[in-house]
Amino acid sequence: MKKGLRIILKSLLILVALPIIYLVLAIIGSLIPVNSNLKPTESYTEIYLYKQDMHTDILLPVNSKIISWDTIFKPVHTLSQPQNPKFIGFGWGDLQFYRNTPQWEDLKADVAFKTLFLKSQSALHTRFYEKAPVSENLVKISVNEKQYSKLKDYILETLSEKNSEEVQPIPDLHYYRNDAFYSARTSFSLFKTCNTWANTALKSSGLKACLWTPFPQGIFLHY
């Protein structure tokens, strides 16, 4: 009886300790800066970080001499088919989570469990904007040509191999009239979230970021 009780207590302690350890790691990773000592360089263009609830999107100009995003992620893939969008937003996440959770209040326990602990298909989410949104959760960043080129490469490398030639959207999946979803590489997990993806995009492009974060607060702490 006592042995069984000890096992139960140890199990409960482990269950309580794991989330605490995860949060501590997230705090430590968020506080460690990466690319914090950047030297001023000539600005090539401006991009935006956009926090929406617990998710971070990266907004980029649709057209530049480096890339015209609308030749890859085409406006005809959306429901509204915008004619002259100025910005395109990029986010990454679990495909089934996107399908089943258009709003955070729609989140179900079984969907959350599968997303965090089981290997599954991920998706790149794009959304066109006629102008940059007006929001207190929007941060403008000036980037040089090399940084923008690296950011471009990171986003394109997110696409799954079957989209390596002509990018095709995931059918019948939209949150808005100006958005689309595309099959992507790797799988969502506790240690690779939508915010981890965005933070790694900044980090690998030579922009300010943190060492690791599963939450948007870790990214915006450095901006």
C-alpha atoms as a PDB file:
ATOM      1  CA  MET A   1       0.000   0.000   0.000  1.00  0.00           C
ATOM      2  CA  LYS A   2       2.764   2.425   0.989  1.00  0.00           C
ATOM      3  CA  LYS A   3       4.813   1.477  -2.065  1.00  0.00           C
ATOM      4  CA  GLY A   4       1.863   2.141  -4.351  1.00  0.00           C
ATOM      5  CA  LEU A   5       1.266   5.495  -2.688  1.00  0.00           C
ATOM      6  CA  ARG A   6       4.921   6.476  -3.167  1.00  0.00           C
ATOM      7  CA  ILE A   7       4.684   5.610  -6.877  1.00  0.00           C
ATOM      8  CA  ILE A   8       1.561   7.734  -7.242  1.00  0.00           C
ATOM      9  CA  LEU A   9       3.192  10.676  -5.427  1.00  0.00           C
ATOM     10  CA  LYS A  10       6.344  10.434  -7.554  1.00  0.00           C
ATOM     11  CA  SER A  11       4.253  10.350 -10.712  1.00  0.00           C
ATOM     12  CA  LEU A  12       2.327  13.417  -9.607  1.00  0.00           C
ATOM     13  CA  LEU A  13       5.556  15.249  -8.800  1.00  0.00           C
ATOM     14  CA  ILE A  14       6.923  14.448 -12.247  1.00  0.00           C
ATOM     15  CA  LEU A  15       3.719  15.679 -13.894  1.00  0.00           C
ATOM     16  CA  VAL A  16       3.945  18.918 -11.935  1.00  0.00           C
ATOM     17  CA  ALA A  17       7.696  19.312 -12.470  1.00  0.00           C
ATOM     18  CA  LEU A  18       7.749  18.866 -16.258  1.00  0.00           C
ATOM     19  CA  PRO A  19       5.693  21.995 -17.098  1.00  0.00           C
ATOM     20  CA  ILE A  20       7.764  23.992 -14.609  1.00  0.00           C
ATOM     21  CA  ILE A  21      11.029  22.801 -16.188  1.00  0.00           C
ATOM     22  CA  TYR A  22       9.645  23.643 -19.642  1.00  0.00           C
ATOM     23  CA  LEU A  23       8.713  27.180 -18.552  1.00  0.00           C
ATOM     24  CA  VAL A  24      12.112  27.691 -16.913  1.00  0.00           C
ATOM     25  CA  LEU A  25      13.874  26.585 -20.108  1.00  0.00           C
ATOM     26  CA  ALA A  26      11.628  28.928 -22.117  1.00  0.00           C
ATOM     27  CA  ILE A  27      12.473  31.862 -19.835  1.00  0.00           C
ATOM     28  CA  ILE A  28      16.209  31.151 -19.954  1.00  0.00           C
ATOM     29  CA  GLY A  29      16.170  30.695 -23.739  1.00  0.00           C
ATOM     30  CA  SER A  30      14.186  33.897 -24.181  1.00  0.00           C
ATOM     31  CA  LEU A  31      16.597  35.946 -22.066  1.00  0.00           C
ATOM     32  CA  ILE A  32      19.711  34.879 -23.991  1.00  0.00           C
ATOM     33  CA  PRO A  33      20.108  37.268 -26.961  1.00  0.00           C
ATOM     34  CA  VAL A  34      21.379  36.268 -30.394  1.00  0.00           C
ATOM     35  CA  ASN A  35      22.786  38.773 -32.937  1.00  0.00           C
ATOM     36  CA  SER A  36      22.398  41.514 -30.340  1.00  0.00           C
ATOM     37  CA  ASN A  37      25.591  43.386 -31.304  1.00  0.00           C
ATOM     38  CA  LEU A  38      24.619  44.168 -34.875  1.00  0.00           C
ATOM     39  CA  LYS A  39      26.534  46.982 -36.516  1.00  0.00           C
ATOM     40  CA  PRO A  40      24.450  49.611 -38.335  1.00  0.00           C
ATOM     41  CA  THR A  41      24.238  48.906 -42.074  1.00  0.00           C
ATOM     42  CA  GLU A  42      22.426  50.433 -45.004  1.00  0.00           C
ATOM     43  CA  SER A  43      18.741  49.512 -44.874  1.00  0.00           C
ATOM     44  CA  TYR A  44      17.430  47.555 -47.850  1.00  0.00           C
ATOM     45  CA  THR A  45      13.775  47.264 -46.855  1.00  0.00           C
ATOM     46  CA  GLU A  46      11.473  47.124 -43.847  1.00  0.00           C
ATOM     47  CA  ILE A  47       9.707  44.069 -42.496  1.00  0.00           C
ATOM     48  CA  TYR A  48       7.323  43.542 -39.589  1.00  0.00           C
ATOM     49  CA  LEU A  49       6.784  41.136 -36.731  1.00  0.00           C
ATOM     50  CA  TYR A  50       3.100  40.703 -35.951  1.00  0.00           C
ATOM     51  CA  LYS A  51       1.938  39.055 -32.726  1.00  0.00           C
ATOM     52  CA  GLN A  52      -1.570  37.611 -32.813  1.00  0.00           C
ATOM     53  CA  ASP A  53      -2.577  35.924 -29.549  1.00  0.00           C
ATOM     54  CA  MET A  54       0.133  33.287 -29.016  1.00  0.00           C
ATOM     55  CA  HIS A  55       1.388  33.306 -32.604  1.00  0.00           C
ATOM     56  CA  THR A  56       4.027  35.347 -34.469  1.00  0.00           C
ATOM     57  CA  ASP A  57       3.840  36.181 -38.181  1.00  0.00           C
ATOM     58  CA  ILE A  58       6.572  37.780 -40.270  1.00  0.00           C
ATOM     59  CA  LEU A  59       5.288  40.396 -42.747  1.00  0.00           C
ATOM     60  CA  LEU A  60       7.378  41.124 -45.836  1.00  0.00           C
ATOM     61  CA  PRO A  61       6.964  43.431 -48.845  1.00  0.00           C
ATOM     62  CA  VAL A  62       5.400  41.476 -51.699  1.00  0.00           C
ATOM     63  CA  ASN A  63       7.802  42.828 -54.331  1.00  0.00           C
ATOM     64  CA  SER A  64      11.518  43.583 -54.222  1.00  0.00           C
ATOM     65  CA  LYS A  65      14.509  42.998 -56.486  1.00  0.00           C
ATOM     66  CA  ILE A  66      15.336  39.897 -54.420  1.00  0.00           C
ATOM     67  CA  ILE A  67      11.953  38.203 -54.800  1.00  0.00           C
ATOM     68  CA  SER A  68       8.360  38.784 -55.841  1.00  0.00           C
ATOM     69  CA  TRP A  69       6.432  36.620 -53.419  1.00  0.00           C
ATOM     70  CA  ASP A  70       3.212  36.760 -55.442  1.00  0.00           C
ATOM     71  CA  THR A  71       4.857  34.751 -58.235  1.00  0.00           C
ATOM     72  CA  ILE A  72       5.206  31.838 -55.799  1.00  0.00           C
ATOM     73  CA  PHE A  73       2.364  32.276 -53.329  1.00  0.00           C
ATOM     74  CA  LYS A  74      -0.160  33.539 -55.826  1.00  0.00           C
ATOM     75  CA  PRO A  75      -3.127  35.771 -54.998  1.00  0.00           C
ATOM     76  CA  VAL A  76      -5.347  33.390 -57.000  1.00  0.00           C
ATOM     77  CA  HIS A  77      -4.756  30.835 -54.233  1.00  0.00           C
ATOM     78  CA  THR A  78      -6.868  33.007 -51.928  1.00  0.00           C
ATOM     79  CA  LEU A  79     -10.625  33.535 -51.914  1.00  0.00           C
ATOM     80  CA  SER A  80     -10.480  37.301 -52.539  1.00  0.00           C
ATOM     81  CA  GLN A  81      -7.596  37.199 -55.058  1.00  0.00           C
ATOM     82  CA  PRO A  82      -6.206  40.673 -54.187  1.00  0.00           C
ATOM     83  CA  GLN A  83      -4.843  42.632 -57.147  1.00  0.00           C
ATOM     84  CA  ASN A  84      -1.978  44.700 -55.728  1.00  0.00           C
ATOM     85  CA  PRO A  85      -1.140  43.547 -52.197  1.00  0.00           C
ATOM     86  CA  LYS A  86       1.772  45.365 -50.577  1.00  0.00           C
ATOM     87  CA  PHE A  87       2.689  42.868 -47.862  1.00  0.00           C
ATOM     88  CA  ILE A  88       2.526  39.138 -47.325  1.00  0.00           C
ATOM     89  CA  GLY A  89       2.522  37.542 -43.886  1.00  0.00           C
ATOM     90  CA  PHE A  90       4.174  34.196 -43.130  1.00  0.00           C
ATOM     91  CA  GLY A  91       3.531  31.872 -40.217  1.00  0.00           C
ATOM     92  CA  TRP A  92       4.140  28.184 -39.599  1.00  0.00           C
ATOM     93  CA  GLY A  93       2.319  25.544 -37.590  1.00  0.00           C
ATOM     94  CA  ASP A  94       0.710  22.127 -37.390  1.00  0.00           C
ATOM     95  CA  LEU A  95      -1.709  21.433 -40.239  1.00  0.00           C
ATOM     96  CA  GLN A  96      -4.326  19.624 -38.159  1.00  0.00           C
ATOM     97  CA  PHE A  97      -4.135  22.344 -35.530  1.00  0.00           C
ATOM     98  CA  TYR A  98      -4.800  24.905 -38.254  1.00  0.00           C
ATOM     99  CA  ARG A  99      -7.719  22.840 -39.542  1.00  0.00           C
ATOM    100  CA  ASN A 100      -9.355  22.352 -36.166  1.00  0.00           C
ATOM    101  CA  THR A 101      -8.485  25.547 -34.301  1.00  0.00           C
ATOM    102  CA  PRO A 102      -9.312  28.710 -36.253  1.00  0.00           C
ATOM    103  CA  GLN A 103      -9.669  30.490 -32.880  1.00  0.00           C
ATOM    104  CA  TRP A 104      -7.943  29.683 -29.572  1.00  0.00           C
ATOM    105  CA  GLU A 105     -11.336  29.081 -27.948  1.00  0.00           C
ATOM    106  CA  ASP A 106     -11.820  26.218 -30.443  1.00  0.00           C
ATOM    107  CA  LEU A 107      -8.838  24.323 -29.034  1.00  0.00           C
ATOM    108  CA  LYS A 108      -9.632  20.751 -27.962  1.00  0.00           C
ATOM    109  CA  ALA A 109      -7.530  18.536 -25.702  1.00  0.00           C
ATOM    110  CA  ASP A 110      -7.061  15.751 -28.255  1.00  0.00           C
ATOM    111  CA  VAL A 111      -5.920  18.223 -30.939  1.00  0.00           C
ATOM    112  CA  ALA A 112      -3.445  19.842 -28.520  1.00  0.00           C
ATOM    113  CA  PHE A 113      -2.043  16.441 -27.488  1.00  0.00           C
ATOM    114  CA  LYS A 114      -1.551  15.252 -31.075  1.00  0.00           C
ATOM    115  CA  THR A 115       0.035  18.576 -32.045  1.00  0.00           C
ATOM    116  CA  LEU A 116       2.536  18.594 -29.185  1.00  0.00           C
ATOM    117  CA  PHE A 117       3.448  14.925 -28.908  1.00  0.00           C
ATOM    118  CA  LEU A 118       2.780  13.148 -32.221  1.00  0.00           C
ATOM    119  CA  LYS A 119       4.609  13.626 -35.508  1.00  0.00           C
ATOM    120  CA  SER A 120       2.325  15.232 -38.070  1.00  0.00           C
ATOM    121  CA  GLN A 121       2.210  17.353 -41.217  1.00  0.00           C
ATOM    122  CA  SER A 122       3.000  21.043 -40.821  1.00  0.00           C
ATOM    123  CA  ALA A 123       1.843  23.981 -42.928  1.00  0.00           C
ATOM    124  CA  LEU A 124       3.046  27.416 -43.998  1.00  0.00           C
ATOM    125  CA  HIS A 125       0.306  30.032 -43.639  1.00  0.00           C
ATOM    126  CA  THR A 126       0.367  33.112 -45.874  1.00  0.00           C
ATOM    127  CA  ARG A 127      -1.839  36.183 -45.843  1.00  0.00           C
ATOM    128  CA  PHE A 128      -1.835  39.213 -48.158  1.00  0.00           C
ATOM    129  CA  TYR A 129      -2.216  42.773 -46.867  1.00  0.00           C
ATOM    130  CA  GLU A 130      -2.978  45.968 -48.783  1.00  0.00           C
ATOM    131  CA  LYS A 131      -0.993  47.840 -46.122  1.00  0.00           C
ATOM    132  CA  ALA A 132       0.720  47.051 -42.856  1.00  0.00           C
ATOM    133  CA  PRO A 133      -1.840  46.488 -40.074  1.00  0.00           C
ATOM    134  CA  VAL A 134      -2.251  49.123 -37.402  1.00  0.00           C
ATOM    135  CA  SER A 135      -1.603  47.346 -34.128  1.00  0.00           C
ATOM    136  CA  GLU A 136       0.327  47.743 -30.889  1.00  0.00           C
ATOM    137  CA  ASN A 137       1.499  44.177 -31.519  1.00  0.00           C
ATOM    138  CA  LEU A 138       3.308  45.161 -34.725  1.00  0.00           C
ATOM    139  CA  VAL A 139       7.065  45.828 -34.754  1.00  0.00           C
ATOM    140  CA  LYS A 140       8.929  47.345 -37.722  1.00  0.00           C
ATOM    141  CA  ILE A 141      12.450  46.114 -38.480  1.00  0.00           C
ATOM    142  CA  SER A 142      14.934  47.567 -40.976  1.00  0.00           C
ATOM    143  CA  VAL A 143      16.962  44.856 -42.733  1.00  0.00           C
ATOM    144  CA  ASN A 144      19.842  44.925 -45.167  1.00  0.00           C
ATOM    145  CA  GLU A 145      19.958  43.048 -48.453  1.00  0.00           C
ATOM    146  CA  LYS A 146      21.914  40.073 -47.093  1.00  0.00           C
ATOM    147  CA  GLN A 147      19.544  39.635 -44.149  1.00  0.00           C
ATOM    148  CA  TYR A 148      16.493  39.778 -46.382  1.00  0.00           C
ATOM    149  CA  SER A 149      17.984  37.273 -48.806  1.00  0.00           C
ATOM    150  CA  LYS A 150      18.659  34.825 -45.964  1.00  0.00           C
ATOM    151  CA  LEU A 151      15.127  35.320 -44.658  1.00  0.00           C
ATOM    152  CA  LYS A 152      13.788  34.569 -48.140  1.00  0.00           C
ATOM    153  CA  ASP A 153      15.802  31.347 -48.288  1.00  0.00           C
ATOM    154  CA  TYR A 154      14.593  30.251 -44.851  1.00  0.00           C
ATOM    155  CA  ILE A 155      10.940  30.685 -45.784  1.00  0.00           C
ATOM    156  CA  LEU A 156      11.286  28.858 -49.091  1.00  0.00           C
ATOM    157  CA  GLU A 157      13.151  26.007 -47.407  1.00  0.00           C
ATOM    158  CA  THR A 158      10.147  25.597 -45.096  1.00  0.00           C
ATOM    159  CA  LEU A 159       8.048  24.353 -48.008  1.00  0.00           C
ATOM    160  CA  SER A 160       7.705  20.588 -48.382  1.00  0.00           C
ATOM    161  CA  GLU A 161       9.570  18.836 -51.197  1.00  0.00           C
ATOM    162  CA  LYS A 162       6.382  18.216 -53.174  1.00  0.00           C
ATOM    163  CA  ASN A 163       6.084  22.001 -53.499  1.00  0.00           C
ATOM    164  CA  SER A 164       9.617  22.353 -54.854  1.00  0.00           C
ATOM    165  CA  GLU A 165       8.494  23.189 -58.416  1.00  0.00           C
ATOM    166  CA  GLU A 166       5.175  25.041 -58.568  1.00  0.00           C
ATOM    167  CA  VAL A 167       3.723  25.802 -55.161  1.00  0.00           C
ATOM    168  CA  GLN A 168       0.181  24.525 -54.695  1.00  0.00           C
ATOM    169  CA  PRO A 169      -2.086  25.520 -51.785  1.00  0.00           C
ATOM    170  CA  ILE A 170      -3.826  23.092 -49.464  1.00  0.00           C
ATOM    171  CA  PRO A 171      -7.384  22.862 -50.835  1.00  0.00           C
ATOM    172  CA  ASP A 172     -10.377  24.224 -48.925  1.00  0.00           C
ATOM    173  CA  LEU A 173      -8.446  25.678 -45.998  1.00  0.00           C
ATOM    174  CA  HIS A 174      -8.720  29.394 -45.267  1.00  0.00           C
ATOM    175  CA  TYR A 175      -9.004  31.563 -42.159  1.00  0.00           C
ATOM    176  CA  TYR A 176      -9.619  34.752 -44.117  1.00  0.00           C
ATOM    177  CA  ARG A 177     -10.494  35.721 -47.674  1.00  0.00           C
ATOM    178  CA  ASN A 178      -6.912  36.824 -48.359  1.00  0.00           C
ATOM    179  CA  ASP A 179      -4.957  33.837 -47.026  1.00  0.00           C
ATOM    180  CA  ALA A 180      -3.787  30.353 -48.048  1.00  0.00           C
ATOM    181  CA  PHE A 181      -1.972  27.354 -46.558  1.00  0.00           C
ATOM    182  CA  TYR A 182       0.860  25.268 -48.033  1.00  0.00           C
ATOM    183  CA  SER A 183       2.404  21.945 -47.052  1.00  0.00           C
ATOM    184  CA  ALA A 184       5.628  22.437 -45.118  1.00  0.00           C
ATOM    185  CA  ARG A 185       8.586  20.496 -43.768  1.00  0.00           C
ATOM    186  CA  THR A 186       9.144  19.104 -40.258  1.00  0.00           C
ATOM    187  CA  SER A 187       6.624  18.608 -37.484  1.00  0.00           C
ATOM    188  CA  PHE A 188       5.273  20.836 -34.718  1.00  0.00           C
ATOM    189  CA  SER A 189       6.286  19.844 -31.183  1.00  0.00           C
ATOM    190  CA  LEU A 190       6.846  21.189 -27.681  1.00  0.00           C
ATOM    191  CA  PHE A 191      10.292  22.306 -28.786  1.00  0.00           C
ATOM    192  CA  LYS A 192       9.417  23.539 -32.276  1.00  0.00           C
ATOM    193  CA  THR A 193       6.403  25.829 -32.205  1.00  0.00           C
ATOM    194  CA  CYS A 194       5.154  28.574 -34.500  1.00  0.00           C
ATOM    195  CA  ASN A 195       7.178  31.065 -32.464  1.00  0.00           C
ATOM    196  CA  THR A 196      10.286  28.884 -32.552  1.00  0.00           C
ATOM    197  CA  TRP A 197       9.946  28.920 -36.347  1.00  0.00           C
ATOM    198  CA  ALA A 198       9.702  32.722 -36.436  1.00  0.00           C
ATOM    199  CA  ASN A 199      12.574  33.158 -33.972  1.00  0.00           C
ATOM    200  CA  THR A 200      14.786  30.799 -35.993  1.00  0.00           C
ATOM    201  CA  ALA A 201      13.919  32.762 -39.142  1.00  0.00           C
ATOM    202  CA  LEU A 202      15.256  35.927 -37.509  1.00  0.00           C
ATOM    203  CA  LYS A 203      18.254  34.190 -35.969  1.00  0.00           C
ATOM    204  CA  SER A 204      19.334  32.465 -39.190  1.00  0.00           C
ATOM    205  CA  SER A 205      18.966  35.744 -41.106  1.00  0.00           C
ATOM    206  CA  GLY A 206      21.374  37.573 -38.831  1.00  0.00           C
ATOM    207  CA  LEU A 207      18.621  39.576 -37.114  1.00  0.00           C
ATOM    208  CA  LYS A 208      18.046  40.036 -33.402  1.00  0.00           C
ATOM    209  CA  ALA A 209      16.469  37.017 -31.762  1.00  0.00           C
ATOM    210  CA  CYS A 210      16.696  34.892 -28.639  1.00  0.00           C
ATOM    211  CA  LEU A 211      18.387  31.533 -28.207  1.00  0.00           C
ATOM    212  CA  TRP A 212      15.092  29.609 -28.103  1.00  0.00           C
ATOM    213  CA  THR A 213      11.486  30.353 -27.317  1.00  0.00           C
ATOM    214  CA  PRO A 214       8.158  28.554 -27.751  1.00  0.00           C
ATOM    215  CA  PHE A 215       6.243  31.791 -27.018  1.00  0.00           C
ATOM    216  CA  PRO A 216       5.967  35.166 -28.810  1.00  0.00           C
ATOM    217  CA  GLN A 217       7.082  37.045 -25.689  1.00  0.00           C
ATOM    218  CA  GLY A 218      10.592  35.639 -26.138  1.00  0.00           C
ATOM    219  CA  ILE A 219      10.836  37.218 -29.602  1.00  0.00           C
ATOM    220  CA  PHE A 220       9.298  40.600 -28.773  1.00  0.00           C
ATOM    221  CA  LEU A 221      11.452  40.921 -25.665  1.00  0.00           C
ATOM    222  CA  HIS A 222      14.336  41.771 -28.002  1.00  0.00           C
ATOM    223  CA  TYR A 223      12.357  44.342 -30.017  1.00  0.00           C
END
